[in-house]
PDB file of N, CA and C in Angstrom:
ATOM      1  N   MET A   1     129.399 128.986 104.591  1.00  0.00           N
ATOM      2  CA  MET A   1     129.563 127.563 104.401  1.00  0.00           C
ATOM      3  C   MET A   1     128.225 126.854 104.496  1.00  0.00           C
ATOM      4  N   ARG A   2     127.429 127.193 105.435  1.00  0.00           N
ATOM      5  CA  ARG A   2     126.126 126.561 105.624  1.00  0.00           C
ATOM      6  C   ARG A   2     125.228 126.786 104.411  1.00  0.00           C
ATOM      7  N   ARG A   3     125.266 127.961 103.839  1.00  0.00           N
ATOM      8  CA  ARG A   3     124.426 128.294 102.696  1.00  0.00           C
ATOM      9  C   ARG A   3     124.752 127.406 101.498  1.00  0.00           C
ATOM     10  N   ALA A   4     126.023 127.088 101.282  1.00  0.00           N
ATOM     11  CA  ALA A   4     126.442 126.234 100.167  1.00  0.00           C
ATOM     12  C   ALA A   4     125.853 124.838 100.300  1.00  0.00           C
ATOM     13  N   VAL A   5     125.760 124.315 101.500  1.00  0.00           N
ATOM     14  CA  VAL A   5     125.197 122.983 101.717  1.00  0.00           C
ATOM     15  C   VAL A   5     123.719 122.976 101.344  1.00  0.00           C
ATOM     16  N   ILE A   6     122.997 123.989 101.753  1.00  0.00           N
ATOM     17  CA  ILE A   6     121.567 124.075 101.439  1.00  0.00           C
ATOM     18  C   ILE A   6     121.368 124.188  99.929  1.00  0.00           C
ATOM     19  N   THR A   7     122.184 124.983  99.262  1.00  0.00           N
ATOM     20  CA  THR A   7     122.082 125.134  97.820  1.00  0.00           C
ATOM     21  C   THR A   7     122.353 123.811  97.115  1.00  0.00           C
ATOM     22  N   MET A   8     123.348 123.080  97.563  1.00  0.00           N
ATOM     23  CA  MET A   8     123.676 121.803  96.935  1.00  0.00           C
ATOM     24  C   MET A   8     122.538 120.816  97.089  1.00  0.00           C
ATOM     25  N   ARG A   9     121.895 120.785  98.218  1.00  0.00           N
ATOM     26  CA  ARG A   9     120.764 119.882  98.423  1.00  0.00           C
ATOM     27  C   ARG A   9     119.626 120.243  97.486  1.00  0.00           C
ATOM     28  N   ALA A  10     119.388 121.512  97.317  1.00  0.00           N
ATOM     29  CA  ALA A  10     118.304 121.932  96.430  1.00  0.00           C
ATOM     30  C   ALA A  10     118.582 121.535  94.992  1.00  0.00           C
ATOM     31  N   LYS A  11     119.821 121.613  94.557  1.00  0.00           N
ATOM     32  CA  LYS A  11     120.157 121.236  93.187  1.00  0.00           C
ATOM     33  C   LYS A  11     120.005 119.740  92.966  1.00  0.00           C
ATOM     34  N   ASN A  12     120.274 118.952  93.987  1.00  0.00           N
ATOM     35  CA  ASN A  12     120.212 117.505  93.863  1.00  0.00           C
ATOM     36  C   ASN A  12     118.857 116.935  94.246  1.00  0.00           C
ATOM     37  N   HIS A  13     117.894 117.796  94.509  1.00  0.00           N
ATOM     38  CA  HIS A  13     116.569 117.346  94.922  1.00  0.00           C
ATOM     39  C   HIS A  13     115.874 116.604  93.781  1.00  0.00           C
ATOM     40  N   VAL A  14     115.355 115.439  94.070  1.00  0.00           N
ATOM     41  CA  VAL A  14     114.639 114.639  93.082  1.00  0.00           C
ATOM     42  C   VAL A  14     113.176 114.568  93.507  1.00  0.00           C
ATOM     43  N   GLU A  15     112.289 114.870  92.578  1.00  0.00           N
ATOM     44  CA  GLU A  15     110.866 114.794  92.874  1.00  0.00           C
ATOM     45  C   GLU A  15     110.462 113.344  93.101  1.00  0.00           C
ATOM     46  N   PRO A  16     109.628 113.076  94.108  1.00  0.00           N
ATOM     47  CA  PRO A  16     109.170 111.704  94.316  1.00  0.00           C
ATOM     48  C   PRO A  16     108.315 111.218  93.152  1.00  0.00           C
ATOM     49  N   SER A  17     108.271 109.918  92.950  1.00  0.00           N
ATOM     50  CA  SER A  17     107.526 109.336  91.832  1.00  0.00           C
ATOM     51  C   SER A  17     106.025 109.358  92.061  1.00  0.00           C
ATOM     52  N   PHE A  18     105.606 109.431  93.322  1.00  0.00           N
ATOM     53  CA  PHE A  18     104.187 109.368  93.642  1.00  0.00           C
ATOM     54  C   PHE A  18     103.745 110.573  94.443  1.00  0.00           C
ATOM     55  N   LEU A  19     102.481 110.912  94.303  1.00  0.00           N
ATOM     56  CA  LEU A  19     101.843 111.904  95.155  1.00  0.00           C
ATOM     57  C   LEU A  19     100.954 111.147  96.132  1.00  0.00           C
ATOM     58  N   TYR A  20     100.973 111.586  97.380  1.00  0.00           N
ATOM     59  CA  TYR A  20     100.193 110.943  98.422  1.00  0.00           C
ATOM     60  C   TYR A  20      99.018 111.844  98.806  1.00  0.00           C
ATOM     61  N   VAL A  21      98.195 111.362  99.714  1.00  0.00           N
ATOM     62  CA  VAL A  21      96.999 112.095 100.126  1.00  0.00           C
ATOM     63  C   VAL A  21      97.354 113.495 100.617  1.00  0.00           C
ATOM     64  N   ALA A  22      98.378 113.618 101.420  1.00  0.00           N
ATOM     65  CA  ALA A  22      98.765 114.935 101.946  1.00  0.00           C
ATOM     66  C   ALA A  22      99.139 115.889 100.815  1.00  0.00           C
ATOM     67  N   ASP A  23      99.790 115.371  99.772  1.00  0.00           N
ATOM     68  CA  ASP A  23     100.158 116.213  98.627  1.00  0.00           C
ATOM     69  C   ASP A  23      98.909 116.705  97.900  1.00  0.00           C
ATOM     70  N   ILE A  24      97.954 115.816  97.684  1.00  0.00           N
ATOM     71  CA  ILE A  24      96.709 116.187  96.996  1.00  0.00           C
ATOM     72  C   ILE A  24      95.935 117.193  97.839  1.00  0.00           C
ATOM     73  N   MET A  25      95.918 116.989  99.164  1.00  0.00           N
ATOM     74  CA  MET A  25      95.225 117.926 100.050  1.00  0.00           C
ATOM     75  C   MET A  25      95.798 119.333  99.914  1.00  0.00           C
ATOM     76  N   LYS A  26      97.122 119.440  99.823  1.00  0.00           N
ATOM     77  CA  LYS A  26      97.755 120.750  99.689  1.00  0.00           C
ATOM     78  C   LYS A  26      97.478 121.365  98.323  1.00  0.00           C
ATOM     79  N   LEU A  27      97.574 120.554  97.272  1.00  0.00           N
ATOM     80  CA  LEU A  27      97.396 121.075  95.915  1.00  0.00           C
ATOM     81  C   LEU A  27      95.970 121.578  95.667  1.00  0.00           C
ATOM     82  N   PHE A  28      94.983 120.845  96.172  1.00  0.00           N
ATOM     83  CA  PHE A  28      93.587 121.196  95.920  1.00  0.00           C
ATOM     84  C   PHE A  28      92.937 121.928  97.084  1.00  0.00           C
ATOM     85  N   ASP A  29      93.665 122.060  98.195  1.00  0.00           N
ATOM     86  CA  ASP A  29      93.115 122.659  99.409  1.00  0.00           C
ATOM     87  C   ASP A  29      91.785 121.999  99.750  1.00  0.00           C
ATOM     88  N   CYS A  30      91.834 120.673  99.924  1.00  0.00           N
ATOM     89  CA  CYS A  30      90.625 119.907 100.173  1.00  0.00           C
ATOM     90  C   CYS A  30      90.809 119.007 101.390  1.00  0.00           C
ATOM     91  N   SER A  31      89.728 118.353 101.769  1.00  0.00           N
ATOM     92  CA  SER A  31      89.765 117.449 102.908  1.00  0.00           C
ATOM     93  C   SER A  31      90.463 116.146 102.540  1.00  0.00           C
ATOM     94  N   ARG A  32      90.772 115.367 103.564  1.00  0.00           N
ATOM     95  CA  ARG A  32      91.426 114.081 103.355  1.00  0.00           C
ATOM     96  C   ARG A  32      90.530 113.140 102.548  1.00  0.00           C
ATOM     97  N   SER A  33      89.250 113.113 102.859  1.00  0.00           N
ATOM     98  CA  SER A  33      88.348 112.209 102.138  1.00  0.00           C
ATOM     99  C   SER A  33      88.233 112.602 100.661  1.00  0.00           C
ATOM    100  N   LYS A  34      88.197 113.883 100.364  1.00  0.00           N
ATOM    101  CA  LYS A  34      88.146 114.339  98.969  1.00  0.00           C
ATOM    102  C   LYS A  34      89.442 113.980  98.242  1.00  0.00           C
ATOM    103  N   ALA A  35      90.566 114.108  98.922  1.00  0.00           N
ATOM    104  CA  ALA A  35      91.854 113.750  98.317  1.00  0.00           C
ATOM    105  C   ALA A  35      91.877 112.261  97.974  1.00  0.00           C
ATOM    106  N   TYR A  36      91.344 111.419  98.880  1.00  0.00           N
ATOM    107  CA  TYR A  36      91.267 109.992  98.583  1.00  0.00           C
ATOM    108  C   TYR A  36      90.348 109.725  97.392  1.00  0.00           C
ATOM    109  N   GLN A  37      89.269 110.473  97.271  1.00  0.00           N
ATOM    110  CA  GLN A  37      88.364 110.323  96.123  1.00  0.00           C
ATOM    111  C   GLN A  37      89.071 110.668  94.823  1.00  0.00           C
ATOM    112  N   ILE A  38      89.847 111.738  94.826  1.00  0.00           N
ATOM    113  CA  ILE A  38      90.588 112.145  93.632  1.00  0.00           C
ATOM    114  C   ILE A  38      91.591 111.068  93.239  1.00  0.00           C
ATOM    115  N   ILE A  39      92.326 110.550  94.220  1.00  0.00           N
ATOM    116  CA  ILE A  39      93.299 109.496  93.941  1.00  0.00           C
ATOM    117  C   ILE A  39      92.604 108.241  93.423  1.00  0.00           C
ATOM    118  N   ALA A  40      91.475 107.876  94.031  1.00  0.00           N
ATOM    119  CA  ALA A  40      90.741 106.684  93.594  1.00  0.00           C
ATOM    120  C   ALA A  40      90.257 106.842  92.155  1.00  0.00           C
ATOM    121  N   GLU A  41      89.773 108.027  91.806  1.00  0.00           N
ATOM    122  CA  GLU A  41      89.318 108.282  90.437  1.00  0.00           C
ATOM    123  C   GLU A  41      90.462 108.137  89.437  1.00  0.00           C
ATOM    124  N   LEU A  42      91.602 108.724  89.757  1.00  0.00           N
ATOM    125  CA  LEU A  42      92.752 108.637  88.867  1.00  0.00           C
ATOM    126  C   LEU A  42      93.259 107.200  88.757  1.00  0.00           C
ATOM    127  N   ASN A  43      93.237 106.464  89.867  1.00  0.00           N
ATOM    128  CA  ASN A  43      93.660 105.071  89.827  1.00  0.00           C
ATOM    129  C   ASN A  43      92.699 104.214  88.996  1.00  0.00           C
ATOM    130  N   ARG A  44      91.400 104.505  89.042  1.00  0.00           N
ATOM    131  CA  ARG A  44      90.426 103.793  88.189  1.00  0.00           C
ATOM    132  C   ARG A  44      90.748 104.033  86.718  1.00  0.00           C
ATOM    133  N   GLU A  45      91.086 105.273  86.384  1.00  0.00           N
ATOM    134  CA  GLU A  45      91.455 105.585  84.999  1.00  0.00           C
ATOM    135  C   GLU A  45      92.685 104.790  84.577  1.00  0.00           C
ATOM    136  N   LEU A  46      93.674 104.712  85.457  1.00  0.00           N
ATOM    137  CA  LEU A  46      94.881 103.944  85.144  1.00  0.00           C
ATOM    138  C   LEU A  46      94.555 102.462  84.979  1.00  0.00           C
ATOM    139  N   GLU A  47      93.684 101.957  85.833  1.00  0.00           N
ATOM    140  CA  GLU A  47      93.302 100.547  85.754  1.00  0.00           C
ATOM    141  C   GLU A  47      92.604 100.248  84.430  1.00  0.00           C
ATOM    142  N   GLN A  48      91.727 101.141  83.989  1.00  0.00           N
ATOM    143  CA  GLN A  48      91.024 100.971  82.717  1.00  0.00           C
ATOM    144  C   GLN A  48      91.987 100.986  81.537  1.00  0.00           C
ATOM    145  N   LYS A  49      93.085 101.697  81.683  1.00  0.00           N
ATOM    146  CA  LYS A  49      94.096 101.752  80.627  1.00  0.00           C
ATOM    147  C   LYS A  49      95.056 100.568  80.695  1.00  0.00           C
ATOM    148  N   GLY A  50      94.891  99.722  81.713  1.00  0.00           N
ATOM    149  CA  GLY A  50      95.713  98.536  81.833  1.00  0.00           C
ATOM    150  C   GLY A  50      96.977  98.706  82.650  1.00  0.00           C
ATOM    151  N   PHE A  51      97.096  99.799  83.382  1.00  0.00           N
ATOM    152  CA  PHE A  51      98.277 100.046  84.203  1.00  0.00           C
ATOM    153  C   PHE A  51      98.069  99.489  85.604  1.00  0.00           C
ATOM    154  N   LEU A  52      99.160  99.158  86.254  1.00  0.00           N
ATOM    155  CA  LEU A  52      99.122  98.793  87.660  1.00  0.00           C
ATOM    156  C   LEU A  52      99.123 100.072  88.481  1.00  0.00           C
ATOM    157  N   PHE A  53      98.547 100.014  89.666  1.00  0.00           N
ATOM    158  CA  PHE A  53      98.518 101.184  90.534  1.00  0.00           C
ATOM    159  C   PHE A  53      98.610 100.738  91.974  1.00  0.00           C
ATOM    160  N   ILE A  54      98.896 101.668  92.846  1.00  0.00           N
ATOM    161  CA  ILE A  54      98.978 101.404  94.271  1.00  0.00           C
ATOM    162  C   ILE A  54      97.927 102.273  94.954  1.00  0.00           C
ATOM    163  N   ARG A  55      97.062 101.639  95.742  1.00  0.00           N
ATOM    164  CA  ARG A  55      96.009 102.391  96.426  1.00  0.00           C
ATOM    165  C   ARG A  55      96.609 103.427  97.371  1.00  0.00           C
ATOM    166  N   GLY A  56      95.980 104.603  97.417  1.00  0.00           N
ATOM    167  CA  GLY A  56      96.411 105.644  98.342  1.00  0.00           C
ATOM    168  C   GLY A  56      97.496 106.558  97.814  1.00  0.00           C
ATOM    169  N   ARG A  57      97.923 106.341  96.580  1.00  0.00           N
ATOM    170  CA  ARG A  57      98.914 107.228  95.955  1.00  0.00           C
ATOM    171  C   ARG A  57      98.689 107.220  94.454  1.00  0.00           C
ATOM    172  N   ILE A  58      99.206 108.238  93.801  1.00  0.00           N
ATOM    173  CA  ILE A  58      99.039 108.364  92.358  1.00  0.00           C
ATOM    174  C   ILE A  58     100.384 108.720  91.736  1.00  0.00           C
ATOM    175  N   SER A  59     100.628 108.198  90.574  1.00  0.00           N
ATOM    176  CA  SER A  59     101.856 108.502  89.847  1.00  0.00           C
ATOM    177  C   SER A  59     101.929 109.999  89.583  1.00  0.00           C
ATOM    178  N   ARG A  60     103.039 110.600  89.929  1.00  0.00           N
ATOM    179  CA  ARG A  60     103.223 112.036  89.693  1.00  0.00           C
ATOM    180  C   ARG A  60     103.123 112.347  88.203  1.00  0.00           C
ATOM    181  N   ARG A  61     103.694 111.484  87.384  1.00  0.00           N
ATOM    182  CA  ARG A  61     103.686 111.697  85.938  1.00  0.00           C
ATOM    183  C   ARG A  61     102.246 111.701  85.408  1.00  0.00           C
ATOM    184  N   TYR A  62     101.430 110.726  85.842  1.00  0.00           N
ATOM    185  CA  TYR A  62     100.046 110.675  85.363  1.00  0.00           C
ATOM    186  C   TYR A  62      99.255 111.872  85.888  1.00  0.00           C
ATOM    187  N   PHE A  63      99.476 112.248  87.139  1.00  0.00           N
ATOM    188  CA  PHE A  63      98.779 113.399  87.705  1.00  0.00           C
ATOM    189  C   PHE A  63      99.080 114.663  86.912  1.00  0.00           C
ATOM    190  N   GLU A  64     100.362 114.870  86.592  1.00  0.00           N
ATOM    191  CA  GLU A  64     100.742 116.067  85.839  1.00  0.00           C
ATOM    192  C   GLU A  64     100.195 116.021  84.412  1.00  0.00           C
ATOM    193  N   GLU A  65     100.154 114.839  83.830  1.00  0.00           N
ATOM    194  CA  GLU A  65      99.584 114.681  82.497  1.00  0.00           C
ATOM    195  C   GLU A  65      98.090 114.988  82.511  1.00  0.00           C
ATOM    196  N   ARG A  66      97.416 114.487  83.533  1.00  0.00           N
ATOM    197  CA  ARG A  66      95.956 114.628  83.624  1.00  0.00           C
ATOM    198  C   ARG A  66      95.538 116.054  83.965  1.00  0.00           C
ATOM    199  N   TYR A  67      96.247 116.673  84.889  1.00  0.00           N
ATOM    200  CA  TYR A  67      95.865 118.014  85.363  1.00  0.00           C
ATOM    201  C   TYR A  67      96.735 119.121  84.784  1.00  0.00           C
ATOM    202  N   GLY A  68      97.700 118.781  83.980  1.00  0.00           N
ATOM    203  CA  GLY A  68      98.536 119.794  83.345  1.00  0.00           C
ATOM    204  C   GLY A  68      99.350 120.615  84.323  1.00  0.00           C
ATOM    205  N   ALA A  69      99.744 119.984  85.404  1.00  0.00           N
ATOM    206  CA  ALA A  69     100.488 120.709  86.449  1.00  0.00           C
ATOM    207  C   ALA A  69     101.946 120.816  86.108  1.00  0.00           C
TER     208      ALA A  69
END
């Protein structure tokens, strides 16, 4: 019975819309300051394209588009 609950949660799992510093640190195996630099660079690119952004996080969709993840 317990196993069925875990399986159901996994099927209904929704990826978050944003990646945060901790996510970038894990993906690139880098320091916190480097992760913030990566996010800032990507946010500058979004700003130049005319998109709104939130400091300290990056759109998962744009990150995957940019890095092909």
